[in-house]
Every structure is written in C-alpha cells, then in structure tokens.
Amino acid sequence: MLMTMFAFFGLVGNGVVIWLRRKDSKDNINIWGGLLHAILDTLGSLGLLVGSGYIIFTQQFVADGAVTIGIAALTLGGAVWIIKKAWRMLR
C-alpha cells in the first residue's frame, strides 16, 4: 500500500514538471532531457501503480520484477536517445 501512495505522489509531481517544461523543451536539449526524465518517471509511477495494484489483488510478487525491468528498459532507451541527439548536435 505504501508503494501505491508513493507512486501516486510521484505521478502528480512529475505531471506538474511535464506541464511546466513542455514549452521550453523544443529549443534546449538540457530542458528536453529534463522533460524526458520527468516523462520516464511518470511512466515509472504508472507502472508502479499498476504493479502494486496487481500485487495487492493477486499476491503475485513477480509483478515487481517485471515493472522494474520495464522501467529500466525505458530509462536506457531514453538515455540512448539523448546521447544520439547530443552527438548529432556536436558533429
């Protein structure tokens, strides 16, 4: 239950960050990186909400590992995307 509460507050907080950074992210890769980070955190919070709900109702804790792997994959994909974009800008 505690995990669900933290995921909800993370979802709300990151939603505010996304809303505040959405305009300026088009012109600045640093702001875009921060926005991407907030988007990935939001997706992670959504994954935690779904995973914790699944665990609460089914008592199958395998969902925790699945959500963790999903969040790690999203984070890795976002990092690779930012690195590629920065590399293109530097060339």
C-alpha atoms as a PDB file:
ATOM      1  CA  MET A   1       0.000   0.000   0.000  1.00  0.00           C
ATOM      2  CA  LEU A   2       2.883   2.369   0.785  1.00  0.00           C
ATOM      3  CA  MET A   3       4.345   1.789  -2.688  1.00  0.00           C
ATOM      4  CA  THR A   4       1.000   2.776  -4.220  1.00  0.00           C
ATOM      5  CA  MET A   5       0.917   6.041  -2.273  1.00  0.00           C
ATOM      6  CA  PHE A   6       4.458   6.981  -3.335  1.00  0.00           C
ATOM      7  CA  ALA A   7       3.683   6.122  -6.950  1.00  0.00           C
ATOM      8  CA  PHE A   8       0.602   8.343  -6.873  1.00  0.00           C
ATOM      9  CA  PHE A   9       2.515  11.312  -5.445  1.00  0.00           C
ATOM     10  CA  GLY A  10       5.305  10.735  -7.991  1.00  0.00           C
ATOM     11  CA  LEU A  11       2.731  10.708 -10.774  1.00  0.00           C
ATOM     12  CA  VAL A  12       1.245  14.016  -9.644  1.00  0.00           C
ATOM     13  CA  GLY A  13       4.632  15.687  -9.093  1.00  0.00           C
ATOM     14  CA  ASN A  14       6.019  14.603 -12.443  1.00  0.00           C
ATOM     15  CA  GLY A  15       2.818  15.676 -14.157  1.00  0.00           C
ATOM     16  CA  VAL A  16       3.417  19.197 -12.838  1.00  0.00           C
ATOM     17  CA  VAL A  17       7.042  19.136 -14.046  1.00  0.00           C
ATOM     18  CA  ILE A  18       5.977  17.976 -17.516  1.00  0.00           C
ATOM     19  CA  TRP A  19       3.362  20.720 -17.707  1.00  0.00           C
ATOM     20  CA  LEU A  20       5.903  23.384 -16.688  1.00  0.00           C
ATOM     21  CA  ARG A  21       8.681  22.256 -19.053  1.00  0.00           C
ATOM     22  CA  ARG A  22       6.657  21.433 -22.156  1.00  0.00           C
ATOM     23  CA  LYS A  23       7.091  24.804 -23.919  1.00  0.00           C
ATOM     24  CA  ASP A  24      10.813  25.433 -23.403  1.00  0.00           C
ATOM     25  CA  SER A  25      11.913  21.903 -24.292  1.00  0.00           C
ATOM     26  CA  LYS A  26      11.808  22.494 -28.051  1.00  0.00           C
ATOM     27  CA  ASP A  27      14.819  24.815 -28.122  1.00  0.00           C
ATOM     28  CA  ASN A  28      17.105  23.439 -25.415  1.00  0.00           C
ATOM     29  CA  ILE A  29      18.455  19.880 -25.193  1.00  0.00           C
ATOM     30  CA  ASN A  30      19.040  20.250 -21.431  1.00  0.00           C
ATOM     31  CA  ILE A  31      15.416  21.143 -20.805  1.00  0.00           C
ATOM     32  CA  TRP A  32      14.359  18.377 -23.214  1.00  0.00           C
ATOM     33  CA  GLY A  33      16.490  15.923 -21.192  1.00  0.00           C
ATOM     34  CA  GLY A  34      14.781  17.060 -18.002  1.00  0.00           C
ATOM     35  CA  LEU A  35      11.392  16.730 -19.645  1.00  0.00           C
ATOM     36  CA  LEU A  36      12.260  13.250 -20.901  1.00  0.00           C
ATOM     37  CA  HIS A  37      13.382  12.316 -17.393  1.00  0.00           C
ATOM     38  CA  ALA A  38      10.057  13.520 -15.978  1.00  0.00           C
ATOM     39  CA  ILE A  39       8.137  11.601 -18.669  1.00  0.00           C
ATOM     40  CA  LEU A  40      10.051   8.417 -17.869  1.00  0.00           C
ATOM     41  CA  ASP A  41       9.474   8.955 -14.143  1.00  0.00           C
ATOM     42  CA  THR A  42       5.772   9.395 -14.852  1.00  0.00           C
ATOM     43  CA  LEU A  43       5.690   6.152 -16.815  1.00  0.00           C
ATOM     44  CA  GLY A  44       7.561   4.512 -13.947  1.00  0.00           C
ATOM     45  CA  SER A  45       4.973   5.789 -11.480  1.00  0.00           C
ATOM     46  CA  LEU A  46       2.196   4.446 -13.685  1.00  0.00           C
ATOM     47  CA  GLY A  47       3.991   1.100 -13.817  1.00  0.00           C
ATOM     48  CA  LEU A  48       4.291   1.110 -10.033  1.00  0.00           C
ATOM     49  CA  LEU A  49       0.592   1.860  -9.646  1.00  0.00           C
ATOM     50  CA  VAL A  50      -0.366  -0.981 -11.964  1.00  0.00           C
ATOM     51  CA  GLY A  51       2.199  -3.354 -10.466  1.00  0.00           C
ATOM     52  CA  SER A  52       1.281  -2.582  -6.871  1.00  0.00           C
ATOM     53  CA  GLY A  53      -2.416  -2.954  -7.669  1.00  0.00           C
ATOM     54  CA  TYR A  54      -1.684  -6.315  -9.258  1.00  0.00           C
ATOM     55  CA  ILE A  55       0.325  -7.396  -6.212  1.00  0.00           C
ATOM     56  CA  ILE A  56      -2.366  -6.231  -3.780  1.00  0.00           C
ATOM     57  CA  PHE A  57      -5.110  -8.169  -5.545  1.00  0.00           C
ATOM     58  CA  THR A  58      -3.225 -11.315  -6.617  1.00  0.00           C
ATOM     59  CA  GLN A  59      -0.334 -11.597  -4.105  1.00  0.00           C
ATOM     60  CA  GLN A  60       1.954 -12.447  -7.048  1.00  0.00           C
ATOM     61  CA  PHE A  61       5.128 -10.503  -6.374  1.00  0.00           C
ATOM     62  CA  VAL A  62       6.627 -11.303  -9.773  1.00  0.00           C
ATOM     63  CA  ALA A  63       4.992  -8.075 -10.982  1.00  0.00           C
ATOM     64  CA  ASP A  64       7.579  -6.099  -9.009  1.00  0.00           C
ATOM     65  CA  GLY A  65      10.439  -7.521 -11.054  1.00  0.00           C
ATOM     66  CA  ALA A  66       8.551  -7.087 -14.325  1.00  0.00           C
ATOM     67  CA  VAL A  67       7.829  -3.431 -13.590  1.00  0.00           C
ATOM     68  CA  THR A  68      11.456  -2.857 -12.580  1.00  0.00           C
ATOM     69  CA  ILE A  69      12.735  -4.347 -15.850  1.00  0.00           C
ATOM     70  CA  GLY A  70      10.236  -2.234 -17.819  1.00  0.00           C
ATOM     71  CA  ILE A  71      11.307   0.970 -16.094  1.00  0.00           C
ATOM     72  CA  ALA A  72      14.986   0.130 -16.644  1.00  0.00           C
ATOM     73  CA  ALA A  73      14.345  -0.509 -20.349  1.00  0.00           C
ATOM     74  CA  LEU A  74      12.536   2.818 -20.727  1.00  0.00           C
ATOM     75  CA  THR A  75      15.327   4.650 -18.930  1.00  0.00           C
ATOM     76  CA  LEU A  76      18.001   3.021 -21.081  1.00  0.00           C
ATOM     77  CA  GLY A  77      16.073   3.869 -24.245  1.00  0.00           C
ATOM     78  CA  GLY A  78      15.700   7.495 -23.154  1.00  0.00           C
ATOM     79  CA  ALA A  79      19.400   7.770 -22.317  1.00  0.00           C
ATOM     80  CA  VAL A  80      20.406   6.351 -25.707  1.00  0.00           C
ATOM     81  CA  TRP A  81      18.048   8.790 -27.453  1.00  0.00           C
ATOM     82  CA  ILE A  82      19.536  11.802 -25.614  1.00  0.00           C
ATOM     83  CA  ILE A  83      23.095  10.647 -26.331  1.00  0.00           C
ATOM     84  CA  LYS A  84      22.307  10.274 -30.051  1.00  0.00           C
ATOM     85  CA  LYS A  85      20.693  13.702 -30.178  1.00  0.00           C
ATOM     86  CA  ALA A  86      23.656  15.316 -28.398  1.00  0.00           C
ATOM     87  CA  TRP A  87      26.117  13.522 -30.693  1.00  0.00           C
ATOM     88  CA  ARG A  88      24.301  14.839 -33.789  1.00  0.00           C
ATOM     89  CA  MET A  89      24.440  18.367 -32.385  1.00  0.00           C
ATOM     90  CA  LEU A  90      28.175  18.137 -31.697  1.00  0.00           C
ATOM     91  CA  ARG A  91      29.104  16.863 -35.161  1.00  0.00           C
END
